[in-house]
Amino acid sequence: MVVLLVLHNFILLRVKNEEQKAREKAEQLAHLQEISIGLTSTLLLEDVFDLLPQAGTKLAKADACLVEMVDKKEKLIPKSAAGISFSLTEIEEENEKSLGKVVLKGKTPMSIDILQKESILPLWITGQGFKSYLGIPLKIRNECLGVLSFFSSTTKSFSKEEIEILSILGMQAASALENARLYGVTKEALHKEITSSIALYRIEQAVTSKIELDEQINTIIEGCVHATGAEKGSLWLIDDLSGDIVCSTTYPYEDKAGDLR
């Protein structure tokens, strides 16, 4: 009888534990869905960077989160963070010791239950007293755009289920970041095309209209600069008397005609 009672209590305890785990997982999935909706509702990089650290920290039940992106030189650049008292500039200064570099190289999640060897860790990690780490690569089509890093102030072992959920977040974040990047590129290209078209139209109007030559020249050089996307331009003409080539005007209008820069 005693044995049956003990077995009954054990089963009840196990059922309660399983129910608790199920509730926690359901809450995590619901929160993941909320984050997903937030990520897909914007096409601005700034919005994605603002959302990820706060939402990621809550989802991972961690104390801090850091978002780092790969630049053109294959260097990890911190873009946003939550729960970290150090500035992004201070974090970037210790880039060579970044744990994200290891994640970036392996392109797979990396979990460290106990952060040791303080000599090889960035000062901002040891200074804030972080004990555990989880790095999630931000991958899209096998290309790693950056790393989503989570930190805990207590010794924490991230479970397989937690890593899977945070990996899903990493994939969603990578997709949102790529969409935002492409939107920015498209928007910039469209702006350049519109600017170029307006500039060419003004040049055509200047050439065919009966305005003063100086005004025509200024309009032409200004239009050419805008149409080509150049920072500066100058227009040179042959002097009727001397036969020399002289600078007639520049744009932006910061030089005197004839001065060579």
Protein backbone atom coordinates (compact mmCIF):
# COMPACT_ATOMS: atom_id res chain seq x y z
CA MET A 1 0.00 0.00 0.00
CA VAL A 2 2.79 2.39 0.89
CA VAL A 3 4.59 1.48 -2.32
CA LEU A 4 1.48 2.23 -4.38
CA LEU A 5 1.03 5.59 -2.64
CA VAL A 6 4.65 6.56 -3.30
CA LEU A 7 4.30 5.47 -6.94
CA HIS A 8 1.07 7.44 -7.25
CA ASN A 9 2.69 10.62 -5.90
CA PHE A 10 5.69 10.11 -8.16
CA ILE A 11 3.45 9.83 -11.22
CA LEU A 12 1.47 12.91 -10.18
CA LEU A 13 4.69 14.89 -9.72
CA ARG A 14 5.98 13.79 -13.09
CA VAL A 15 2.69 14.68 -14.77
CA LYS A 16 2.79 18.15 -13.16
CA ASN A 17 6.38 18.64 -14.33
CA GLU A 18 5.44 17.63 -17.87
CA GLU A 19 2.43 19.95 -17.79
CA GLN A 20 4.65 22.80 -16.60
CA LYS A 21 7.15 22.13 -19.39
CA ALA A 22 4.33 22.02 -21.92
CA ARG A 23 2.96 25.36 -20.68
CA GLU A 24 6.40 26.96 -20.80
CA LYS A 25 6.99 25.69 -24.33
CA ALA A 26 3.55 26.93 -25.42
CA GLU A 27 4.38 30.36 -23.97
CA GLN A 28 7.73 30.38 -25.78
CA LEU A 29 6.11 29.45 -29.09
CA ALA A 30 3.46 32.13 -28.61
CA HIS A 31 6.17 34.71 -27.88
CA LEU A 32 8.16 33.49 -30.89
CA GLN A 33 5.07 34.04 -33.04
CA GLU A 34 4.71 37.59 -31.68
CA ILE A 35 8.34 38.31 -32.53
CA SER A 36 7.87 36.81 -35.99
CA ILE A 37 4.91 39.11 -36.64
CA GLY A 38 6.98 42.08 -35.49
CA LEU A 39 9.90 41.13 -37.73
CA THR A 40 7.74 40.64 -40.82
CA SER A 41 5.79 43.86 -40.29
CA THR A 42 8.75 46.14 -40.99
CA LEU A 43 11.25 46.70 -43.78
CA LEU A 44 13.53 49.02 -41.84
CA LEU A 45 16.84 47.74 -40.46
CA GLU A 46 16.57 50.08 -37.48
CA ASP A 47 13.26 48.53 -36.45
CA VAL A 48 14.69 44.99 -36.67
CA PHE A 49 17.73 45.97 -34.60
CA ASP A 50 15.48 47.60 -32.00
CA LEU A 51 13.18 44.59 -31.72
CA LEU A 52 15.65 41.70 -31.64
CA PRO A 53 17.62 42.26 -28.39
CA GLN A 54 14.68 42.95 -26.09
CA ALA A 55 12.46 40.24 -27.56
CA GLY A 56 15.33 37.77 -27.82
CA THR A 57 16.33 38.24 -24.17
CA LYS A 58 12.78 37.51 -23.03
CA LEU A 59 12.42 34.47 -25.30
CA ALA A 60 15.76 32.98 -24.21
CA LYS A 61 15.13 33.82 -20.54
CA ALA A 62 18.61 35.31 -20.58
CA ASP A 63 20.01 38.46 -18.97
CA ALA A 64 21.39 40.06 -22.10
CA CYS A 65 21.37 39.84 -25.88
CA LEU A 66 23.72 41.21 -28.53
CA VAL A 67 23.13 41.52 -32.28
CA GLU A 68 26.25 41.58 -34.46
CA MET A 69 26.36 41.85 -38.25
CA VAL A 70 29.09 40.96 -40.74
CA ASP A 71 30.43 43.94 -42.69
CA LYS A 72 32.11 43.97 -46.12
CA LYS A 73 35.46 43.13 -44.52
CA GLU A 74 34.01 40.01 -42.85
CA LYS A 75 34.22 41.76 -39.48
CA LEU A 76 31.51 41.44 -36.82
CA ILE A 77 30.01 44.81 -35.98
CA PRO A 78 27.68 45.18 -32.94
CA LYS A 79 24.41 46.79 -34.00
CA SER A 80 22.15 46.62 -30.96
CA ALA A 81 22.02 45.14 -27.47
CA ALA A 82 19.87 44.70 -24.38
CA GLY A 83 20.99 44.11 -20.81
CA ILE A 84 24.59 45.19 -21.52
CA SER A 85 25.91 48.26 -19.72
CA PHE A 86 28.85 48.72 -22.09
CA SER A 87 28.43 50.79 -25.27
CA LEU A 88 28.48 49.26 -28.75
CA THR A 89 31.73 51.13 -29.39
CA GLU A 90 33.37 49.51 -26.35
CA ILE A 91 32.14 46.10 -27.49
CA GLU A 92 33.50 46.64 -31.01
CA GLU A 93 36.91 47.65 -29.64
CA GLU A 94 37.35 44.06 -28.40
CA ASN A 95 36.23 42.48 -31.65
CA GLU A 96 39.22 40.13 -31.75
CA LYS A 97 37.95 38.37 -28.61
CA SER A 98 34.36 38.16 -29.77
CA LEU A 99 32.68 34.81 -29.09
CA GLY A 100 30.52 35.52 -32.11
CA LYS A 101 33.53 34.95 -34.38
CA VAL A 102 33.57 31.29 -33.38
CA VAL A 103 29.85 30.99 -34.13
CA LEU A 104 30.36 32.78 -37.42
CA LYS A 105 33.11 30.40 -38.44
CA GLY A 106 31.20 27.25 -37.54
CA LYS A 107 27.81 28.54 -38.76
CA THR A 108 26.13 26.49 -36.02
CA PRO A 109 24.78 27.35 -32.54
CA MET A 110 27.40 27.38 -29.79
CA SER A 111 26.53 27.00 -26.10
CA ILE A 112 28.96 27.55 -23.25
CA ASP A 113 27.56 26.63 -19.83
CA ILE A 114 30.45 28.14 -17.86
CA LEU A 115 32.50 31.02 -19.25
CA GLN A 116 36.06 30.54 -18.07
CA LYS A 117 39.55 31.68 -19.09
CA GLU A 118 38.88 35.35 -18.41
CA SER A 119 42.12 36.29 -20.15
CA ILE A 120 40.69 35.35 -23.55
CA LEU A 121 37.24 36.87 -22.96
CA PRO A 122 36.32 40.48 -23.76
CA LEU A 123 36.45 42.78 -20.74
CA TRP A 124 32.82 43.75 -21.21
CA ILE A 125 31.79 40.10 -20.68
CA THR A 126 33.90 39.54 -17.56
CA GLY A 127 33.18 43.06 -16.29
CA GLN A 128 29.45 42.44 -16.36
CA GLY A 129 29.84 39.03 -14.76
CA PHE A 130 28.25 36.89 -17.45
CA LYS A 131 28.62 33.18 -16.71
CA SER A 132 26.96 31.42 -19.65
CA TYR A 133 26.68 32.03 -23.39
CA LEU A 134 24.66 30.94 -26.40
CA GLY A 135 25.45 32.10 -29.92
CA ILE A 136 22.98 31.66 -32.78
CA PRO A 137 24.11 32.28 -36.37
CA LEU A 138 21.87 34.52 -38.46
CA LYS A 139 21.84 32.36 -41.57
CA ILE A 140 19.98 32.65 -44.85
CA ARG A 141 20.69 30.34 -47.79
CA ASN A 142 23.78 29.05 -45.96
CA GLU A 143 25.15 32.60 -45.77
CA CYS A 144 25.85 33.91 -42.29
CA LEU A 145 24.75 37.54 -41.97
CA GLY A 146 25.71 37.86 -38.32
CA VAL A 147 25.32 36.40 -34.84
CA LEU A 148 22.63 36.64 -32.18
CA SER A 149 24.30 36.20 -28.78
CA PHE A 150 22.65 35.51 -25.42
CA PHE A 151 24.28 35.89 -22.00
CA SER A 152 23.29 34.74 -18.53
CA SER A 153 24.60 36.09 -15.23
CA THR A 154 24.17 32.65 -13.67
CA THR A 155 25.45 29.28 -14.81
CA LYS A 156 22.86 28.17 -17.34
CA SER A 157 22.64 25.14 -19.57
CA PHE A 158 20.53 25.86 -22.65
CA SER A 159 18.42 22.82 -23.48
CA LYS A 160 18.11 21.29 -26.92
CA GLU A 161 14.55 22.61 -27.18
CA GLU A 162 15.63 26.14 -26.23
CA ILE A 163 18.41 26.10 -28.82
CA GLU A 164 15.96 24.88 -31.47
CA ILE A 165 13.49 27.68 -30.69
CA LEU A 166 16.23 30.33 -30.66
CA SER A 167 17.60 28.92 -33.92
CA ILE A 168 14.15 29.47 -35.45
CA LEU A 169 14.34 33.05 -34.18
CA GLY A 170 17.76 33.32 -35.80
CA MET A 171 16.39 32.19 -39.17
CA GLN A 172 13.44 34.58 -38.95
CA ALA A 173 15.72 37.44 -37.92
CA ALA A 174 18.12 36.71 -40.80
CA SER A 175 15.22 36.75 -43.26
CA ALA A 176 13.92 40.05 -41.86
CA LEU A 177 17.40 41.60 -41.99
CA GLU A 178 17.91 40.46 -45.58
CA ASN A 179 14.50 41.80 -46.63
CA ALA A 180 15.25 45.12 -44.95
CA ARG A 181 18.64 45.28 -46.65
CA LEU A 182 17.14 44.56 -50.09
CA TYR A 183 14.43 47.14 -49.46
CA GLY A 184 17.09 49.71 -48.60
CA VAL A 185 19.08 48.88 -51.75
CA THR A 186 15.96 49.07 -53.92
CA LYS A 187 14.85 52.33 -52.32
CA GLU A 188 18.29 53.87 -52.82
CA ALA A 189 18.45 52.69 -56.45
CA LEU A 190 14.98 54.13 -57.12
CA HIS A 191 15.98 57.43 -55.51
CA LYS A 192 19.11 57.58 -57.69
CA GLU A 193 17.08 56.81 -60.81
CA ILE A 194 14.55 59.54 -60.05
CA THR A 195 17.31 62.03 -59.21
CA SER A 196 19.13 61.14 -62.43
CA SER A 197 15.99 61.54 -64.54
CA ILE A 198 15.23 64.94 -63.02
CA ALA A 199 18.84 66.05 -63.56
CA LEU A 200 18.84 64.96 -67.21
CA TYR A 201 15.54 66.74 -67.79
CA ARG A 202 16.96 69.96 -66.34
CA ILE A 203 20.05 69.64 -68.54
CA GLU A 204 17.85 69.22 -71.62
CA GLN A 205 15.79 72.24 -70.63
CA ALA A 206 18.91 74.33 -70.07
CA VAL A 207 20.46 73.40 -73.41
CA THR A 208 17.30 74.10 -75.41
CA SER A 209 16.14 77.22 -73.55
CA LYS A 210 17.16 80.81 -74.21
CA ILE A 211 18.93 81.53 -70.93
CA GLU A 212 22.32 83.08 -70.28
CA LEU A 213 25.35 80.90 -71.09
CA ASP A 214 26.62 81.03 -67.51
CA GLU A 215 23.29 79.78 -66.23
CA GLN A 216 23.29 77.02 -68.86
CA ILE A 217 26.78 75.92 -67.82
CA ASN A 218 25.88 75.89 -64.13
CA THR A 219 22.73 73.87 -64.79
CA ILE A 220 24.63 71.37 -66.96
CA ILE A 221 27.41 70.68 -64.44
CA GLU A 222 24.95 70.48 -61.55
CA GLY A 223 22.77 68.08 -63.53
CA CYS A 224 25.73 65.90 -64.50
CA VAL A 225 26.84 65.60 -60.86
CA HIS A 226 23.36 64.56 -59.74
CA ALA A 227 22.82 62.22 -62.69
CA THR A 228 26.08 60.33 -62.12
CA GLY A 229 25.97 60.36 -58.33
CA ALA A 230 29.38 62.05 -58.17
CA GLU A 231 30.41 64.17 -55.19
CA LYS A 232 31.88 66.97 -57.25
CA GLY A 233 32.17 68.04 -60.87
CA SER A 234 33.77 70.71 -63.01
CA LEU A 235 33.24 71.96 -66.55
CA TRP A 236 36.23 73.07 -68.61
CA LEU A 237 36.09 75.22 -71.76
CA ILE A 238 38.61 76.38 -74.36
CA ASP A 239 39.36 80.10 -74.02
CA ASP A 240 38.72 81.87 -77.34
CA LEU A 241 41.66 84.23 -76.94
CA SER A 242 44.42 82.12 -75.41
CA GLY A 243 43.33 78.69 -76.57
CA ASP A 244 43.90 77.38 -73.06
CA ILE A 245 41.52 74.99 -71.34
CA VAL A 246 40.14 76.74 -68.27
CA CYS A 247 37.70 75.71 -65.56
CA SER A 248 34.45 77.52 -66.23
CA THR A 249 32.53 76.31 -63.19
CA THR A 250 32.39 73.64 -60.53
CA TYR A 251 29.63 72.02 -58.52
CA PRO A 252 29.10 72.34 -55.61
CA TYR A 253 29.76 76.03 -56.20
CA GLU A 254 32.69 76.48 -53.87
CA ASP A 255 35.50 77.51 -56.24
CA LYS A 256 36.03 80.58 -58.29
CA ALA A 257 35.87 80.03 -62.04
CA GLY A 258 39.33 79.40 -63.37
CA ASP A 259 40.77 78.02 -60.13
CA LEU A 260 42.16 74.52 -60.45
CA ARG A 261 41.24 72.02 -57.71
